[in-house]
Amino acid sequence: MSNKVKLDIEFVIRASPNFLYQYISTPDSMGEWFADNVNSRGKKFTFIWDDSEEVAMRIAQKNNEFIRFKWEEDEEKETYFEMRIQVDALTKDVSLIVTDFADADEVEESKMFWENQIAELKHVIGG
C-alpha cells in the first residue's frame, strides 16, 4: 500500500474542453505553463524546470477528457498524476481536476505547486 496521500484539487477554468485538453496533453502547450520545457518521444515526456529534469510516462488518456502520467523515478505502483476535464451538466462550467500523490509532509507544498501551475495555465489561455 502506498504511503502517499492522494490529492484531488479542482480548478474552474473558462475554456472549452477540447481547447483545454491541448494544453494538458501536448508538449508544446505544456511547455507554456507546466514546465520551462517539455519534450516527448512517444509516451515518454521529459519535463524541464531550471536545472532539473523529470521524466514521466503517459500511462492513460482519453481525448478531451483526461491525461495521466507516472513519474519514472516513483517506485510506488499506485501513484500517478492526472489532469481530468469535467463539465458541469447544468451550468456547463469547465473544471480541471488534478489528482496527485504526495508524502504526508509534502501535501501543502504539492497543493501550492499545482495552484501556481494552474494559475500560470489560466494566465496563458486567458481562462
C-alpha atoms as a PDB file:
ATOM      1  CA  MET A   1       0.000   0.000   0.000  1.00  0.00           C
ATOM      2  CA  SER A   2       1.194   3.496  -0.792  1.00  0.00           C
ATOM      3  CA  ASN A   3       2.477   5.788   1.978  1.00  0.00           C
ATOM      4  CA  LYS A   4       1.488   8.759  -0.097  1.00  0.00           C
ATOM      5  CA  VAL A   5      -1.568  10.937   0.328  1.00  0.00           C
ATOM      6  CA  LYS A   6      -3.899  11.263  -2.655  1.00  0.00           C
ATOM      7  CA  LEU A   7      -4.794  14.841  -3.563  1.00  0.00           C
ATOM      8  CA  ASP A   8      -7.753  15.908  -5.684  1.00  0.00           C
ATOM      9  CA  ILE A   9      -7.762  19.621  -6.451  1.00  0.00           C
ATOM     10  CA  GLU A  10     -10.432  21.274  -8.567  1.00  0.00           C
ATOM     11  CA  PHE A  11      -9.875  24.411 -10.631  1.00  0.00           C
ATOM     12  CA  VAL A  12     -12.619  26.182 -12.585  1.00  0.00           C
ATOM     13  CA  ILE A  13     -11.265  27.211 -15.979  1.00  0.00           C
ATOM     14  CA  ARG A  14     -13.007  29.289 -18.604  1.00  0.00           C
ATOM     15  CA  ALA A  15     -12.131  27.357 -21.736  1.00  0.00           C
ATOM     16  CA  SER A  16     -13.721  24.731 -23.923  1.00  0.00           C
ATOM     17  CA  PRO A  17     -12.798  21.131 -23.051  1.00  0.00           C
ATOM     18  CA  ASN A  18     -11.018  20.475 -26.367  1.00  0.00           C
ATOM     19  CA  PHE A  19      -9.028  23.735 -26.138  1.00  0.00           C
ATOM     20  CA  LEU A  20      -8.069  22.931 -22.544  1.00  0.00           C
ATOM     21  CA  TYR A  21      -7.148  19.356 -23.482  1.00  0.00           C
ATOM     22  CA  GLN A  22      -4.478  20.608 -25.897  1.00  0.00           C
ATOM     23  CA  TYR A  23      -2.862  22.495 -23.028  1.00  0.00           C
ATOM     24  CA  ILE A  24      -2.696  19.476 -20.739  1.00  0.00           C
ATOM     25  CA  SER A  25      -1.652  16.901 -23.324  1.00  0.00           C
ATOM     26  CA  THR A  26       0.787  18.358 -25.873  1.00  0.00           C
ATOM     27  CA  PRO A  27       4.460  19.037 -25.085  1.00  0.00           C
ATOM     28  CA  ASP A  28       4.473  22.462 -26.757  1.00  0.00           C
ATOM     29  CA  SER A  29       1.432  23.662 -24.834  1.00  0.00           C
ATOM     30  CA  MET A  30       2.600  22.131 -21.544  1.00  0.00           C
ATOM     31  CA  GLY A  31       5.873  23.988 -22.035  1.00  0.00           C
ATOM     32  CA  GLU A  32       3.920  27.235 -21.845  1.00  0.00           C
ATOM     33  CA  TRP A  33       2.644  26.667 -18.303  1.00  0.00           C
ATOM     34  CA  PHE A  34       3.610  23.388 -16.628  1.00  0.00           C
ATOM     35  CA  ALA A  35       7.377  23.349 -17.073  1.00  0.00           C
ATOM     36  CA  ASP A  36      10.025  25.528 -18.695  1.00  0.00           C
ATOM     37  CA  ASN A  37      10.326  22.996 -21.469  1.00  0.00           C
ATOM     38  CA  VAL A  38       8.596  19.719 -22.313  1.00  0.00           C
ATOM     39  CA  ASN A  39       9.802  17.107 -24.767  1.00  0.00           C
ATOM     40  CA  SER A  40       8.136  13.867 -25.679  1.00  0.00           C
ATOM     41  CA  ARG A  41       9.026  10.758 -27.539  1.00  0.00           C
ATOM     42  CA  GLY A  42       6.006   8.527 -27.796  1.00  0.00           C
ATOM     43  CA  LYS A  43       4.598   8.076 -24.287  1.00  0.00           C
ATOM     44  CA  LYS A  44       7.761   9.361 -22.600  1.00  0.00           C
ATOM     45  CA  PHE A  45       7.588  13.013 -21.522  1.00  0.00           C
ATOM     46  CA  THR A  46      10.581  14.941 -20.206  1.00  0.00           C
ATOM     47  CA  PHE A  47       9.704  17.973 -18.076  1.00  0.00           C
ATOM     48  CA  ILE A  48      12.450  20.548 -17.577  1.00  0.00           C
ATOM     49  CA  TRP A  49      12.491  23.212 -14.843  1.00  0.00           C
ATOM     50  CA  ASP A  50      15.559  25.444 -14.472  1.00  0.00           C
ATOM     51  CA  ASP A  51      18.277  22.856 -13.825  1.00  0.00           C
ATOM     52  CA  SER A  52      16.141  19.844 -13.048  1.00  0.00           C
ATOM     53  CA  GLU A  53      14.688  17.294 -15.398  1.00  0.00           C
ATOM     54  CA  GLU A  54      11.900  14.840 -14.573  1.00  0.00           C
ATOM     55  CA  VAL A  55      10.708  12.031 -16.814  1.00  0.00           C
ATOM     56  CA  ALA A  56       7.150  10.732 -16.793  1.00  0.00           C
ATOM     57  CA  MET A  57       5.354   8.135 -18.878  1.00  0.00           C
ATOM     58  CA  ARG A  58       1.898   8.884 -20.237  1.00  0.00           C
ATOM     59  CA  ILE A  59       0.011   5.868 -18.911  1.00  0.00           C
ATOM     60  CA  ALA A  60      -3.549   6.736 -19.906  1.00  0.00           C
ATOM     61  CA  GLN A  61      -5.504   9.335 -21.817  1.00  0.00           C
ATOM     62  CA  LYS A  62      -8.873   9.991 -23.382  1.00  0.00           C
ATOM     63  CA  ASN A  63      -9.283  12.796 -25.886  1.00  0.00           C
ATOM     64  CA  ASN A  64     -10.778  15.974 -24.419  1.00  0.00           C
ATOM     65  CA  GLU A  65     -11.268  14.219 -21.063  1.00  0.00           C
ATOM     66  CA  PHE A  66      -8.075  13.353 -19.199  1.00  0.00           C
ATOM     67  CA  ILE A  67      -4.392  12.550 -19.298  1.00  0.00           C
ATOM     68  CA  ARG A  68      -2.475  10.551 -16.696  1.00  0.00           C
ATOM     69  CA  PHE A  69       1.272  10.395 -16.150  1.00  0.00           C
ATOM     70  CA  LYS A  70       3.540   8.277 -13.959  1.00  0.00           C
ATOM     71  CA  TRP A  71       6.857   9.720 -12.789  1.00  0.00           C
ATOM     72  CA  GLU A  72       9.655   7.397 -13.875  1.00  0.00           C
ATOM     73  CA  GLU A  73      11.516   7.661 -10.552  1.00  0.00           C
ATOM     74  CA  ASP A  74       8.401   6.983  -8.456  1.00  0.00           C
ATOM     75  CA  GLU A  75       8.576   3.334  -7.450  1.00  0.00           C
ATOM     76  CA  GLU A  76       5.124   3.111  -5.876  1.00  0.00           C
ATOM     77  CA  LYS A  77       2.709   1.289  -8.152  1.00  0.00           C
ATOM     78  CA  GLU A  78      -0.475   3.178  -7.269  1.00  0.00           C
ATOM     79  CA  THR A  79       0.835   6.709  -7.733  1.00  0.00           C
ATOM     80  CA  TYR A  80       0.408   8.966 -10.754  1.00  0.00           C
ATOM     81  CA  PHE A  81      -0.659  12.484 -11.614  1.00  0.00           C
ATOM     82  CA  GLU A  82      -3.706  13.157 -13.684  1.00  0.00           C
ATOM     83  CA  MET A  83      -5.485  16.149 -15.153  1.00  0.00           C
ATOM     84  CA  ARG A  84      -9.159  15.500 -15.849  1.00  0.00           C
ATOM     85  CA  ILE A  85     -11.588  17.860 -17.554  1.00  0.00           C
ATOM     86  CA  GLN A  86     -15.058  17.903 -16.057  1.00  0.00           C
ATOM     87  CA  VAL A  87     -18.048  19.778 -17.435  1.00  0.00           C
ATOM     88  CA  ASP A  88     -20.961  20.544 -15.125  1.00  0.00           C
ATOM     89  CA  ALA A  89     -24.125  19.165 -16.746  1.00  0.00           C
ATOM     90  CA  LEU A  90     -26.264  22.130 -15.668  1.00  0.00           C
ATOM     91  CA  THR A  91     -24.006  25.176 -15.685  1.00  0.00           C
ATOM     92  CA  LYS A  92     -21.599  23.911 -18.384  1.00  0.00           C
ATOM     93  CA  ASP A  93     -18.758  25.210 -16.192  1.00  0.00           C
ATOM     94  CA  VAL A  94     -15.471  23.563 -17.087  1.00  0.00           C
ATOM     95  CA  SER A  95     -13.233  22.337 -14.273  1.00  0.00           C
ATOM     96  CA  LEU A  96      -9.801  20.797 -14.308  1.00  0.00           C
ATOM     97  CA  ILE A  97      -9.471  18.150 -11.610  1.00  0.00           C
ATOM     98  CA  VAL A  98      -5.853  17.480 -10.707  1.00  0.00           C
ATOM     99  CA  THR A  99      -5.074  14.213  -8.941  1.00  0.00           C
ATOM    100  CA  ASP A 100      -1.619  13.788  -7.489  1.00  0.00           C
ATOM    101  CA  PHE A 101       0.112  11.917  -4.687  1.00  0.00           C
ATOM    102  CA  ALA A 102       2.424  13.435  -2.093  1.00  0.00           C
ATOM    103  CA  ASP A 103       4.226  12.349   1.027  1.00  0.00           C
ATOM    104  CA  ALA A 104       2.222  13.344   4.114  1.00  0.00           C
ATOM    105  CA  ASP A 105       4.691  16.107   4.970  1.00  0.00           C
ATOM    106  CA  GLU A 106       4.631  17.497   1.416  1.00  0.00           C
ATOM    107  CA  VAL A 107       0.878  17.830   0.876  1.00  0.00           C
ATOM    108  CA  GLU A 108       0.777  21.618   1.279  1.00  0.00           C
ATOM    109  CA  GLU A 109       3.840  22.018  -0.926  1.00  0.00           C
ATOM    110  CA  SER A 110       2.237  19.864  -3.601  1.00  0.00           C
ATOM    111  CA  LYS A 111      -1.046  21.811  -3.457  1.00  0.00           C
ATOM    112  CA  MET A 112       0.890  25.051  -3.785  1.00  0.00           C
ATOM    113  CA  PHE A 113       2.810  23.685  -6.767  1.00  0.00           C
ATOM    114  CA  TRP A 114      -0.450  22.862  -8.563  1.00  0.00           C
ATOM    115  CA  GLU A 115      -2.098  26.164  -7.619  1.00  0.00           C
ATOM    116  CA  ASN A 116       0.879  28.015  -9.083  1.00  0.00           C
ATOM    117  CA  GLN A 117       0.986  25.905 -12.251  1.00  0.00           C
ATOM    118  CA  ILE A 118      -2.777  26.210 -12.859  1.00  0.00           C
ATOM    119  CA  ALA A 119      -2.621  29.967 -12.235  1.00  0.00           C
ATOM    120  CA  GLU A 120       0.010  30.067 -14.980  1.00  0.00           C
ATOM    121  CA  LEU A 121      -2.202  27.921 -17.233  1.00  0.00           C
ATOM    122  CA  LYS A 122      -5.150  30.301 -16.708  1.00  0.00           C
ATOM    123  CA  HIS A 123      -2.853  33.231 -17.489  1.00  0.00           C
ATOM    124  CA  VAL A 124      -1.633  31.568 -20.707  1.00  0.00           C
ATOM    125  CA  ILE A 125      -5.105  30.655 -22.022  1.00  0.00           C
ATOM    126  CA  GLY A 126      -6.908  33.679 -20.634  1.00  0.00           C
ATOM    127  CA  GLY A 127      -9.260  31.461 -18.623  1.00  0.00           C
END
